[in-house]
Amino acid sequence: LLTIPEIAKRCGLSRQRVHGIAKTDPEFPAAVITAGTTRAKY
């Protein structure tokens, strides 16, 4: 699983851009919430 900052680094985008894509694009993979954290991972 990857967090938004990890995705941004991996794809060469800003974390703000990745967050915007995740929030607005229905085709973006669904977030997975794991136990012990509130941070969404993909």
PDB file of all heavy atoms in Angstrom:
ATOM      1  N   LEU A   1       0.828  -1.199   0.000  1.00  0.00           N
ATOM      2  CA  LEU A   1       0.000   0.000   0.000  1.00  0.00           C
ATOM      3  C   LEU A   1       0.867   1.255   0.000  1.00  0.00           C
ATOM      4  O   LEU A   1       1.927   1.283   0.622  1.00  0.00           O
ATOM      5  CB  LEU A   1      -0.914   0.008   1.226  1.00  0.00           C
ATOM      6  CG  LEU A   1      -1.885  -1.166   1.337  1.00  0.00           C
ATOM      7  CD1 LEU A   1      -2.612  -1.127   2.671  1.00  0.00           C
ATOM      8  CD2 LEU A   1      -2.872  -1.160   0.198  1.00  0.00           C
ATOM      9  N   LEU A   2       0.409   2.283  -0.698  1.00  0.00           N
ATOM     10  CA  LEU A   2       1.138   3.543  -0.801  1.00  0.00           C
ATOM     11  C   LEU A   2       0.295   4.690  -0.268  1.00  0.00           C
ATOM     12  O   LEU A   2      -0.920   4.736  -0.488  1.00  0.00           O
ATOM     13  CB  LEU A   2       1.481   3.847  -2.261  1.00  0.00           C
ATOM     14  CG  LEU A   2       2.378   2.869  -2.996  1.00  0.00           C
ATOM     15  CD1 LEU A   2       2.414   3.207  -4.479  1.00  0.00           C
ATOM     16  CD2 LEU A   2       3.765   2.888  -2.415  1.00  0.00           C
ATOM     17  N   THR A   3       0.941   5.643   0.396  1.00  0.00           N
ATOM     18  CA  THR A   3       0.261   6.857   0.829  1.00  0.00           C
ATOM     19  C   THR A   3       0.316   7.880  -0.313  1.00  0.00           C
ATOM     20  O   THR A   3       1.047   7.691  -1.289  1.00  0.00           O
ATOM     21  CB  THR A   3       0.949   7.461   2.069  1.00  0.00           C
ATOM     22  OG1 THR A   3       2.291   7.810   1.713  1.00  0.00           O
ATOM     23  CG2 THR A   3       0.937   6.492   3.238  1.00  0.00           C
ATOM     24  N   ILE A   4      -0.419   8.954  -0.171  1.00  0.00           N
ATOM     25  CA  ILE A   4      -0.423  10.020  -1.186  1.00  0.00           C
ATOM     26  C   ILE A   4       1.003  10.557  -1.432  1.00  0.00           C
ATOM     27  O   ILE A   4       1.408  10.666  -2.588  1.00  0.00           O
ATOM     28  CB  ILE A   4      -1.395  11.152  -0.795  1.00  0.00           C
ATOM     29  CG1 ILE A   4      -2.834  10.669  -0.808  1.00  0.00           C
ATOM     30  CG2 ILE A   4      -1.198  12.387  -1.682  1.00  0.00           C
ATOM     31  CD1 ILE A   4      -3.549  10.688  -2.120  1.00  0.00           C
ATOM     32  N   PRO A   5       1.772  10.894  -0.381  1.00  0.00           N
ATOM     33  CA  PRO A   5       3.137  11.381  -0.645  1.00  0.00           C
ATOM     34  C   PRO A   5       4.021  10.349  -1.355  1.00  0.00           C
ATOM     35  O   PRO A   5       4.846  10.709  -2.197  1.00  0.00           O
ATOM     36  CB  PRO A   5       3.685  11.701   0.748  1.00  0.00           C
ATOM     37  CG  PRO A   5       2.477  11.950   1.583  1.00  0.00           C
ATOM     38  CD  PRO A   5       1.425  11.035   1.032  1.00  0.00           C
ATOM     39  N   GLU A   6       3.834   9.070  -1.044  1.00  0.00           N
ATOM     40  CA  GLU A   6       4.608   8.020  -1.714  1.00  0.00           C
ATOM     41  C   GLU A   6       4.216   7.910  -3.191  1.00  0.00           C
ATOM     42  O   GLU A   6       5.076   7.717  -4.053  1.00  0.00           O
ATOM     43  CB  GLU A   6       4.406   6.679  -1.005  1.00  0.00           C
ATOM     44  CG  GLU A   6       5.033   6.629   0.371  1.00  0.00           C
ATOM     45  CD  GLU A   6       4.597   5.435   1.202  1.00  0.00           C
ATOM     46  OE1 GLU A   6       3.541   4.835   0.920  1.00  0.00           O
ATOM     47  OE2 GLU A   6       5.321   5.096   2.158  1.00  0.00           O
ATOM     48  N   ILE A   7       2.927   8.030  -3.474  1.00  0.00           N
ATOM     49  CA  ILE A   7       2.460   8.008  -4.869  1.00  0.00           C
ATOM     50  C   ILE A   7       3.034   9.202  -5.616  1.00  0.00           C
ATOM     51  O   ILE A   7       3.507   9.069  -6.743  1.00  0.00           O
ATOM     52  CB  ILE A   7       0.916   8.018  -4.931  1.00  0.00           C
ATOM     53  CG1 ILE A   7       0.350   6.727  -4.344  1.00  0.00           C
ATOM     54  CG2 ILE A   7       0.437   8.207  -6.368  1.00  0.00           C
ATOM     55  CD1 ILE A   7      -1.150   6.757  -4.127  1.00  0.00           C
ATOM     56  N   ALA A   8       3.006  10.369  -4.985  1.00  0.00           N
ATOM     57  CA  ALA A   8       3.514  11.587  -5.620  1.00  0.00           C
ATOM     58  C   ALA A   8       4.988  11.431  -5.981  1.00  0.00           C
ATOM     59  O   ALA A   8       5.394  11.749  -7.101  1.00  0.00           O
ATOM     60  CB  ALA A   8       3.317  12.776  -4.682  1.00  0.00           C
ATOM     61  N   LYS A   9       5.767  10.926  -5.059  1.00  0.00           N
ATOM     62  CA  LYS A   9       7.198  10.733  -5.307  1.00  0.00           C
ATOM     63  C   LYS A   9       7.417   9.718  -6.421  1.00  0.00           C
ATOM     64  O   LYS A   9       8.237   9.914  -7.310  1.00  0.00           O
ATOM     65  CB  LYS A   9       7.889  10.280  -4.028  1.00  0.00           C
ATOM     66  CG  LYS A   9       9.376  10.176  -4.151  1.00  0.00           C
ATOM     67  CD  LYS A   9      10.014   9.827  -2.823  1.00  0.00           C
ATOM     68  CE  LYS A   9      11.523   9.759  -2.963  1.00  0.00           C
ATOM     69  NZ  LYS A   9      12.162   9.399  -1.700  1.00  0.00           N
ATOM     70  N   ARG A  10       6.657   8.656  -6.388  1.00  0.00           N
ATOM     71  CA  ARG A  10       6.793   7.581  -7.369  1.00  0.00           C
ATOM     72  C   ARG A  10       6.413   8.049  -8.781  1.00  0.00           C
ATOM     73  O   ARG A  10       7.006   7.609  -9.761  1.00  0.00           O
ATOM     74  CB  ARG A  10       5.882   6.428  -6.922  1.00  0.00           C
ATOM     75  CG  ARG A  10       5.948   5.186  -7.710  1.00  0.00           C
ATOM     76  CD  ARG A  10       4.962   4.192  -7.085  1.00  0.00           C
ATOM     77  NE  ARG A  10       4.957   2.957  -7.779  1.00  0.00           N
ATOM     78  CZ  ARG A  10       5.549   1.857  -7.361  1.00  0.00           C
ATOM     79  NH1 ARG A  10       6.188   1.849  -6.220  1.00  0.00           N
ATOM     80  NH2 ARG A  10       5.495   0.762  -8.059  1.00  0.00           N
ATOM     81  N   CYS A  11       5.418   8.946  -8.883  1.00  0.00           N
ATOM     82  CA  CYS A  11       4.903   9.383 -10.182  1.00  0.00           C
ATOM     83  C   CYS A  11       5.463  10.725 -10.638  1.00  0.00           C
ATOM     84  O   CYS A  11       5.154  11.172 -11.740  1.00  0.00           O
ATOM     85  CB  CYS A  11       3.381   9.461 -10.126  1.00  0.00           C
ATOM     86  SG  CYS A  11       2.613   7.871  -9.830  1.00  0.00           S
ATOM     87  N   GLY A  12       6.235  11.391  -9.781  1.00  0.00           N
ATOM     88  CA  GLY A  12       6.801  12.680 -10.164  1.00  0.00           C
ATOM     89  C   GLY A  12       5.793  13.814 -10.152  1.00  0.00           C
ATOM     90  O   GLY A  12       5.905  14.762 -10.929  1.00  0.00           O
ATOM     91  N   LEU A  13       4.809  13.723  -9.280  1.00  0.00           N
ATOM     92  CA  LEU A  13       3.793  14.767  -9.141  1.00  0.00           C
ATOM     93  C   LEU A  13       3.861  15.350  -7.741  1.00  0.00           C
ATOM     94  O   LEU A  13       4.481  14.766  -6.850  1.00  0.00           O
ATOM     95  CB  LEU A  13       2.396  14.179  -9.369  1.00  0.00           C
ATOM     96  CG  LEU A  13       2.123  13.547 -10.726  1.00  0.00           C
ATOM     97  CD1 LEU A  13       0.801  12.800 -10.699  1.00  0.00           C
ATOM     98  CD2 LEU A  13       2.109  14.607 -11.807  1.00  0.00           C
ATOM     99  N   SER A  14       3.206  16.469  -7.533  1.00  0.00           N
ATOM    100  CA  SER A  14       3.119  17.017  -6.179  1.00  0.00           C
ATOM    101  C   SER A  14       2.067  16.215  -5.408  1.00  0.00           C
ATOM    102  O   SER A  14       1.148  15.635  -5.995  1.00  0.00           O
ATOM    103  CB  SER A  14       2.729  18.494  -6.211  1.00  0.00           C
ATOM    104  OG  SER A  14       1.391  18.644  -6.625  1.00  0.00           O
ATOM    105  N   ARG A  15       2.199  16.216  -4.098  1.00  0.00           N
ATOM    106  CA  ARG A  15       1.210  15.483  -3.299  1.00  0.00           C
ATOM    107  C   ARG A  15      -0.160  16.151  -3.405  1.00  0.00           C
ATOM    108  O   ARG A  15      -1.194  15.478  -3.345  1.00  0.00           O
ATOM    109  CB  ARG A  15       1.660  15.328  -1.857  1.00  0.00           C
ATOM    110  CG  ARG A  15       1.842  16.581  -1.103  1.00  0.00           C
ATOM    111  CD  ARG A  15       2.333  16.331   0.333  1.00  0.00           C
ATOM    112  NE  ARG A  15       2.602  17.585   1.000  1.00  0.00           N
ATOM    113  CZ  ARG A  15       1.656  18.388   1.467  1.00  0.00           C
ATOM    114  NH1 ARG A  15       0.395  18.063   1.365  1.00  0.00           N
ATOM    115  NH2 ARG A  15       1.972  19.526   2.046  1.00  0.00           N
ATOM    116  N   GLN A  16      -0.171  17.479  -3.593  1.00  0.00           N
ATOM    117  CA  GLN A  16      -1.438  18.181  -3.757  1.00  0.00           C
ATOM    118  C   GLN A  16      -2.139  17.735  -5.038  1.00  0.00           C
ATOM    119  O   GLN A  16      -3.361  17.560  -5.056  1.00  0.00           O
ATOM    120  CB  GLN A  16      -1.213  19.703  -3.794  1.00  0.00           C
ATOM    121  CG  GLN A  16      -0.719  20.281  -2.489  1.00  0.00           C
ATOM    122  CD  GLN A  16       0.797  20.283  -2.352  1.00  0.00           C
ATOM    123  OE1 GLN A  16       1.509  19.635  -3.094  1.00  0.00           O
ATOM    124  NE2 GLN A  16       1.295  21.028  -1.376  1.00  0.00           N
ATOM    125  N   ARG A  17      -1.363  17.538  -6.101  1.00  0.00           N
ATOM    126  CA  ARG A  17      -1.943  17.101  -7.376  1.00  0.00           C
ATOM    127  C   ARG A  17      -2.502  15.683  -7.247  1.00  0.00           C
ATOM    128  O   ARG A  17      -3.600  15.395  -7.725  1.00  0.00           O
ATOM    129  CB  ARG A  17      -0.885  17.171  -8.480  1.00  0.00           C
ATOM    130  CG  ARG A  17      -1.406  16.753  -9.827  1.00  0.00           C
ATOM    131  CD  ARG A  17      -2.450  17.750 -10.345  1.00  0.00           C
ATOM    132  NE  ARG A  17      -3.015  17.269 -11.579  1.00  0.00           N
ATOM    133  CZ  ARG A  17      -4.326  17.163 -11.800  1.00  0.00           C
ATOM    134  NH1 ARG A  17      -5.200  17.561 -10.921  1.00  0.00           N
ATOM    135  NH2 ARG A  17      -4.766  16.689 -12.944  1.00  0.00           N
ATOM    136  N   VAL A  18      -1.746  14.801  -6.594  1.00  0.00           N
ATOM    137  CA  VAL A  18      -2.218  13.416  -6.416  1.00  0.00           C
ATOM    138  C   VAL A  18      -3.483  13.414  -5.570  1.00  0.00           C
ATOM    139  O   VAL A  18      -4.446  12.705  -5.876  1.00  0.00           O
ATOM    140  CB  VAL A  18      -1.131  12.522  -5.786  1.00  0.00           C
ATOM    141  CG1 VAL A  18      -1.681  11.139  -5.477  1.00  0.00           C
ATOM    142  CG2 VAL A  18       0.073  12.418  -6.709  1.00  0.00           C
ATOM    143  N   HIS A  19      -3.509  14.222  -4.516  1.00  0.00           N
ATOM    144  CA  HIS A  19      -4.703  14.289  -3.673  1.00  0.00           C
ATOM    145  C   HIS A  19      -5.901  14.792  -4.478  1.00  0.00           C
ATOM    146  O   HIS A  19      -7.007  14.265  -4.352  1.00  0.00           O
ATOM    147  CB  HIS A  19      -4.460  15.200  -2.469  1.00  0.00           C
ATOM    148  CG  HIS A  19      -5.629  15.276  -1.541  1.00  0.00           C
ATOM    149  ND1 HIS A  19      -6.004  14.237  -0.735  1.00  0.00           N
ATOM    150  CD2 HIS A  19      -6.530  16.269  -1.326  1.00  0.00           C
ATOM    151  CE1 HIS A  19      -7.082  14.579  -0.043  1.00  0.00           C
ATOM    152  NE2 HIS A  19      -7.415  15.807  -0.390  1.00  0.00           N
ATOM    153  N   GLY A  20      -5.678  15.790  -5.321  1.00  0.00           N
ATOM    154  CA  GLY A  20      -6.751  16.309  -6.171  1.00  0.00           C
ATOM    155  C   GLY A  20      -7.278  15.260  -7.129  1.00  0.00           C
ATOM    156  O   GLY A  20      -8.485  15.135  -7.334  1.00  0.00           O
ATOM    157  N   ILE A  21      -6.372  14.491  -7.714  1.00  0.00           N
ATOM    158  CA  ILE A  21      -6.776  13.422  -8.631  1.00  0.00           C
ATOM    159  C   ILE A  21      -7.568  12.366  -7.873  1.00  0.00           C
ATOM    160  O   ILE A  21      -8.633  11.922  -8.317  1.00  0.00           O
ATOM    161  CB  ILE A  21      -5.549  12.781  -9.309  1.00  0.00           C
ATOM    162  CG1 ILE A  21      -4.885  13.783 -10.257  1.00  0.00           C
ATOM    163  CG2 ILE A  21      -5.937  11.512 -10.055  1.00  0.00           C
ATOM    164  CD1 ILE A  21      -3.523  13.341 -10.772  1.00  0.00           C
ATOM    165  N   ALA A  22      -7.065  11.972  -6.703  1.00  0.00           N
ATOM    166  CA  ALA A  22      -7.739  10.945  -5.901  1.00  0.00           C
ATOM    167  C   ALA A  22      -9.135  11.392  -5.480  1.00  0.00           C
ATOM    168  O   ALA A  22     -10.065  10.582  -5.399  1.00  0.00           O
ATOM    169  CB  ALA A  22      -6.902  10.610  -4.669  1.00  0.00           C
ATOM    170  N   LYS A  23      -9.286  12.686  -5.239  1.00  0.00           N
ATOM    171  CA  LYS A  23     -10.571  13.219  -4.766  1.00  0.00           C
ATOM    172  C   LYS A  23     -11.580  13.399  -5.895  1.00  0.00           C
ATOM    173  O   LYS A  23     -12.775  13.219  -5.692  1.00  0.00           O
ATOM    174  CB  LYS A  23     -10.311  14.556  -4.073  1.00  0.00           C
ATOM    175  CG  LYS A  23     -11.477  15.123  -3.353  1.00  0.00           C
ATOM    176  CD  LYS A  23     -11.063  16.365  -2.593  1.00  0.00           C
ATOM    177  CE  LYS A  23     -12.241  16.945  -1.840  1.00  0.00           C
ATOM    178  NZ  LYS A  23     -11.879  18.138  -1.097  1.00  0.00           N
ATOM    179  N   THR A  24     -11.102  13.732  -7.102  1.00  0.00           N
ATOM    180  CA  THR A  24     -12.038  14.092  -8.171  1.00  0.00           C
ATOM    181  C   THR A  24     -12.226  13.042  -9.259  1.00  0.00           C
ATOM    182  O   THR A  24     -13.234  13.062  -9.953  1.00  0.00           O
ATOM    183  CB  THR A  24     -11.603  15.403  -8.848  1.00  0.00           C
ATOM    184  OG1 THR A  24     -10.290  15.232  -9.384  1.00  0.00           O
ATOM    185  CG2 THR A  24     -11.602  16.558  -7.878  1.00  0.00           C
ATOM    186  N   ASP A  25     -11.263  12.144  -9.424  1.00  0.00           N
ATOM    187  CA  ASP A  25     -11.357  11.162 -10.506  1.00  0.00           C
ATOM    188  C   ASP A  25     -11.963   9.858  -9.988  1.00  0.00           C
ATOM    189  O   ASP A  25     -11.342   9.164  -9.186  1.00  0.00           O
ATOM    190  CB  ASP A  25      -9.977  10.895 -11.104  1.00  0.00           C
ATOM    191  CG  ASP A  25     -10.051  10.075 -12.387  1.00  0.00           C
ATOM    192  OD1 ASP A  25     -11.112   9.493 -12.682  1.00  0.00           O
ATOM    193  OD2 ASP A  25      -9.033  10.017 -13.094  1.00  0.00           O
ATOM    194  N   PRO A  26     -13.167   9.513 -10.450  1.00  0.00           N
ATOM    195  CA  PRO A  26     -13.809   8.289  -9.974  1.00  0.00           C
ATOM    196  C   PRO A  26     -13.060   7.012 -10.388  1.00  0.00           C
ATOM    197  O   PRO A  26     -13.284   5.955  -9.813  1.00  0.00           O
ATOM    198  CB  PRO A  26     -15.205   8.329 -10.597  1.00  0.00           C
ATOM    199  CG  PRO A  26     -15.104   9.293 -11.729  1.00  0.00           C
ATOM    200  CD  PRO A  26     -13.989  10.232 -11.417  1.00  0.00           C
ATOM    201  N   GLU A  27     -12.155   7.110 -11.346  1.00  0.00           N
ATOM    202  CA  GLU A  27     -11.397   5.946 -11.799  1.00  0.00           C
ATOM    203  C   GLU A  27     -10.163   5.684 -10.935  1.00  0.00           C
ATOM    204  O   GLU A  27      -9.526   4.642 -11.072  1.00  0.00           O
ATOM    205  CB  GLU A  27     -10.977   6.147 -13.258  1.00  0.00           C
ATOM    206  CG  GLU A  27     -12.162   6.462 -14.136  1.00  0.00           C
ATOM    207  CD  GLU A  27     -12.228   5.599 -15.354  1.00  0.00           C
ATOM    208  OE1 GLU A  27     -11.252   4.929 -15.658  1.00  0.00           O
ATOM    209  OE2 GLU A  27     -13.285   5.610 -15.997  1.00  0.00           O
ATOM    210  N   PHE A  28      -9.814   6.630 -10.061  1.00  0.00           N
ATOM    211  CA  PHE A  28      -8.653   6.440  -9.187  1.00  0.00           C
ATOM    212  C   PHE A  28      -8.956   5.297  -8.222  1.00  0.00           C
ATOM    213  O   PHE A  28     -10.081   5.141  -7.766  1.00  0.00           O
ATOM    214  CB  PHE A  28      -8.360   7.730  -8.406  1.00  0.00           C
ATOM    215  CG  PHE A  28      -7.000   7.753  -7.778  1.00  0.00           C
ATOM    216  CD1 PHE A  28      -5.879   8.039  -8.530  1.00  0.00           C
ATOM    217  CD2 PHE A  28      -6.840   7.477  -6.427  1.00  0.00           C
ATOM    218  CE1 PHE A  28      -4.620   8.061  -7.957  1.00  0.00           C
ATOM    219  CE2 PHE A  28      -5.594   7.490  -5.848  1.00  0.00           C
ATOM    220  CZ  PHE A  28      -4.468   7.782  -6.617  1.00  0.00           C
ATOM    221  N   PRO A  29      -7.943   4.470  -7.914  1.00  0.00           N
ATOM    222  CA  PRO A  29      -8.189   3.323  -7.018  1.00  0.00           C
ATOM    223  C   PRO A  29      -8.776   3.752  -5.669  1.00  0.00           C
ATOM    224  O   PRO A  29      -8.475   4.842  -5.172  1.00  0.00           O
ATOM    225  CB  PRO A  29      -6.792   2.734  -6.816  1.00  0.00           C
ATOM    226  CG  PRO A  29      -5.992   3.213  -7.971  1.00  0.00           C
ATOM    227  CD  PRO A  29      -6.568   4.533  -8.361  1.00  0.00           C
ATOM    228  N   ALA A  30      -9.594   2.892  -5.114  1.00  0.00           N
ATOM    229  CA  ALA A  30     -10.227   3.170  -3.821  1.00  0.00           C
ATOM    230  C   ALA A  30      -9.196   3.113  -2.698  1.00  0.00           C
ATOM    231  O   ALA A  30      -8.275   2.303  -2.719  1.00  0.00           O
ATOM    232  CB  ALA A  30     -11.331   2.156  -3.559  1.00  0.00           C
ATOM    233  N   ALA A  31      -9.366   3.989  -1.721  1.00  0.00           N
ATOM    234  CA  ALA A  31      -8.476   4.033  -0.566  1.00  0.00           C
ATOM    235  C   ALA A  31      -8.734   2.845   0.352  1.00  0.00           C
ATOM    236  O   ALA A  31      -9.857   2.350   0.447  1.00  0.00           O
ATOM    237  CB  ALA A  31      -8.687   5.328   0.201  1.00  0.00           C
ATOM    238  N   VAL A  32      -7.674   2.419   1.018  1.00  0.00           N
ATOM    239  CA  VAL A  32      -7.767   1.340   1.996  1.00  0.00           C
ATOM    240  C   VAL A  32      -7.356   1.926   3.340  1.00  0.00           C
ATOM    241  O   VAL A  32      -6.286   2.515   3.461  1.00  0.00           O
ATOM    242  CB  VAL A  32      -6.812   0.177   1.625  1.00  0.00           C
ATOM    243  CG1 VAL A  32      -6.820  -0.894   2.693  1.00  0.00           C
ATOM    244  CG2 VAL A  32      -7.166  -0.388   0.267  1.00  0.00           C
ATOM    245  N   ILE A  33      -8.214   1.802   4.334  1.00  0.00           N
ATOM    246  CA  ILE A  33      -7.890   2.280   5.672  1.00  0.00           C
ATOM    247  C   ILE A  33      -7.446   1.066   6.482  1.00  0.00           C
ATOM    248  O   ILE A  33      -8.180   0.085   6.605  1.00  0.00           O
ATOM    249  CB  ILE A  33      -9.105   2.959   6.344  1.00  0.00           C
ATOM    250  CG1 ILE A  33      -9.656   4.090   5.473  1.00  0.00           C
ATOM    251  CG2 ILE A  33      -8.737   3.457   7.728  1.00  0.00           C
ATOM    252  CD1 ILE A  33      -8.704   5.233   5.247  1.00  0.00           C
ATOM    253  N   THR A  34      -6.229   1.132   7.012  1.00  0.00           N
ATOM    254  CA  THR A  34      -5.705   0.016   7.800  1.00  0.00           C
ATOM    255  C   THR A  34      -5.852   0.322   9.282  1.00  0.00           C
ATOM    256  O   THR A  34      -5.961   1.487   9.682  1.00  0.00           O
ATOM    257  CB  THR A  34      -4.223  -0.236   7.462  1.00  0.00           C
ATOM    258  OG1 THR A  34      -3.486   0.962   7.674  1.00  0.00           O
ATOM    259  CG2 THR A  34      -4.051  -0.682   6.026  1.00  0.00           C
ATOM    260  N   ALA A  35      -5.839  -0.704  10.087  1.00  0.00           N
ATOM    261  CA  ALA A  35      -5.978  -0.551  11.532  1.00  0.00           C
ATOM    262  C   ALA A  35      -4.798   0.232  12.096  1.00  0.00           C
ATOM    263  O   ALA A  35      -3.659   0.065  11.667  1.00  0.00           O
ATOM    264  CB  ALA A  35      -6.051  -1.921  12.193  1.00  0.00           C
ATOM    265  N   GLY A  36      -5.082   1.098  13.038  1.00  0.00           N
ATOM    266  CA  GLY A  36      -4.039   1.840  13.719  1.00  0.00           C
ATOM    267  C   GLY A  36      -3.654   3.152  13.067  1.00  0.00           C
ATOM    268  O   GLY A  36      -2.751   3.838  13.531  1.00  0.00           O
ATOM    269  N   THR A  37      -4.304   3.527  11.978  1.00  0.00           N
ATOM    270  CA  THR A  37      -3.999   4.791  11.313  1.00  0.00           C
ATOM    271  C   THR A  37      -5.243   5.328  10.619  1.00  0.00           C
ATOM    272  O   THR A  37      -6.138   4.567  10.267  1.00  0.00           O
ATOM    273  CB  THR A  37      -2.858   4.630  10.280  1.00  0.00           C
ATOM    274  OG1 THR A  37      -2.565   5.913   9.718  1.00  0.00           O
ATOM    275  CG2 THR A  37      -3.223   3.679   9.175  1.00  0.00           C
ATOM    276  N   THR A  38      -5.286   6.627  10.467  1.00  0.00           N
ATOM    277  CA  THR A  38      -6.391   7.241   9.727  1.00  0.00           C
ATOM    278  C   THR A  38      -5.951   7.652   8.337  1.00  0.00           C
ATOM    279  O   THR A  38      -6.741   8.174   7.574  1.00  0.00           O
ATOM    280  CB  THR A  38      -6.911   8.484  10.474  1.00  0.00           C
ATOM    281  OG1 THR A  38      -5.825   9.408  10.639  1.00  0.00           O
ATOM    282  CG2 THR A  38      -7.487   8.116  11.824  1.00  0.00           C
ATOM    283  N   ARG A  39      -4.672   7.422   8.023  1.00  0.00           N
ATOM    284  CA  ARG A  39      -4.134   7.796   6.711  1.00  0.00           C
ATOM    285  C   ARG A  39      -4.581   6.780   5.661  1.00  0.00           C
ATOM    286  O   ARG A  39      -4.371   5.586   5.810  1.00  0.00           O
ATOM    287  CB  ARG A  39      -2.616   7.842   6.779  1.00  0.00           C
ATOM    288  CG  ARG A  39      -1.985   8.224   5.457  1.00  0.00           C
ATOM    289  CD  ARG A  39      -0.507   8.321   5.586  1.00  0.00           C
ATOM    290  NE  ARG A  39      -0.181   9.638   6.112  1.00  0.00           N
ATOM    291  CZ  ARG A  39       1.035  10.133   6.151  1.00  0.00           C
ATOM    292  NH1 ARG A  39       2.042   9.424   5.739  1.00  0.00           N
ATOM    293  NH2 ARG A  39       1.244  11.333   6.626  1.00  0.00           N
ATOM    294  N   ALA A  40      -5.171   7.297   4.606  1.00  0.00           N
ATOM    295  CA  ALA A  40      -5.603   6.432   3.508  1.00  0.00           C
ATOM    296  C   ALA A  40      -4.386   5.939   2.740  1.00  0.00           C
ATOM    297  O   ALA A  40      -3.429   6.682   2.527  1.00  0.00           O
ATOM    298  CB  ALA A  40      -6.530   7.189   2.574  1.00  0.00           C
ATOM    299  N   LYS A  41      -4.429   4.688   2.332  1.00  0.00           N
ATOM    300  CA  LYS A  41      -3.372   4.111   1.521  1.00  0.00           C
ATOM    301  C   LYS A  41      -4.018   3.470   0.297  1.00  0.00           C
ATOM    302  O   LYS A  41      -5.189   3.101   0.326  1.00  0.00           O
ATOM    303  CB  LYS A  41      -2.578   3.081   2.322  1.00  0.00           C
ATOM    304  CG  LYS A  41      -1.828   3.703   3.488  1.00  0.00           C
ATOM    305  CD  LYS A  41      -0.962   2.699   4.197  1.00  0.00           C
ATOM    306  CE  LYS A  41      -0.229   3.371   5.348  1.00  0.00           C
ATOM    307  NZ  LYS A  41       0.656   2.433   6.021  1.00  0.00           N
ATOM    308  N   TYR A  42      -3.233   3.343  -0.750  1.00  0.00           N
ATOM    309  CA  TYR A  42      -3.750   2.859  -2.022  1.00  0.00           C
ATOM    310  C   TYR A  42      -2.911   1.686  -2.509  1.00  0.00           C
ATOM    311  O   TYR A  42      -1.692   1.712  -2.401  1.00  0.00           O
ATOM    312  CB  TYR A  42      -3.721   3.999  -3.052  1.00  0.00           C
ATOM    313  CG  TYR A  42      -4.533   5.189  -2.606  1.00  0.00           C
ATOM    314  CD1 TYR A  42      -3.980   6.161  -1.769  1.00  0.00           C
ATOM    315  CD2 TYR A  42      -5.858   5.327  -2.982  1.00  0.00           C
ATOM    316  CE1 TYR A  42      -4.728   7.237  -1.332  1.00  0.00           C
ATOM    317  CE2 TYR A  42      -6.613   6.413  -2.557  1.00  0.00           C
ATOM    318  CZ  TYR A  42      -6.043   7.359  -1.730  1.00  0.00           C
ATOM    319  OH  TYR A  42      -6.798   8.426  -1.295  1.00  0.00           O
TER     320      TYR A  42
END
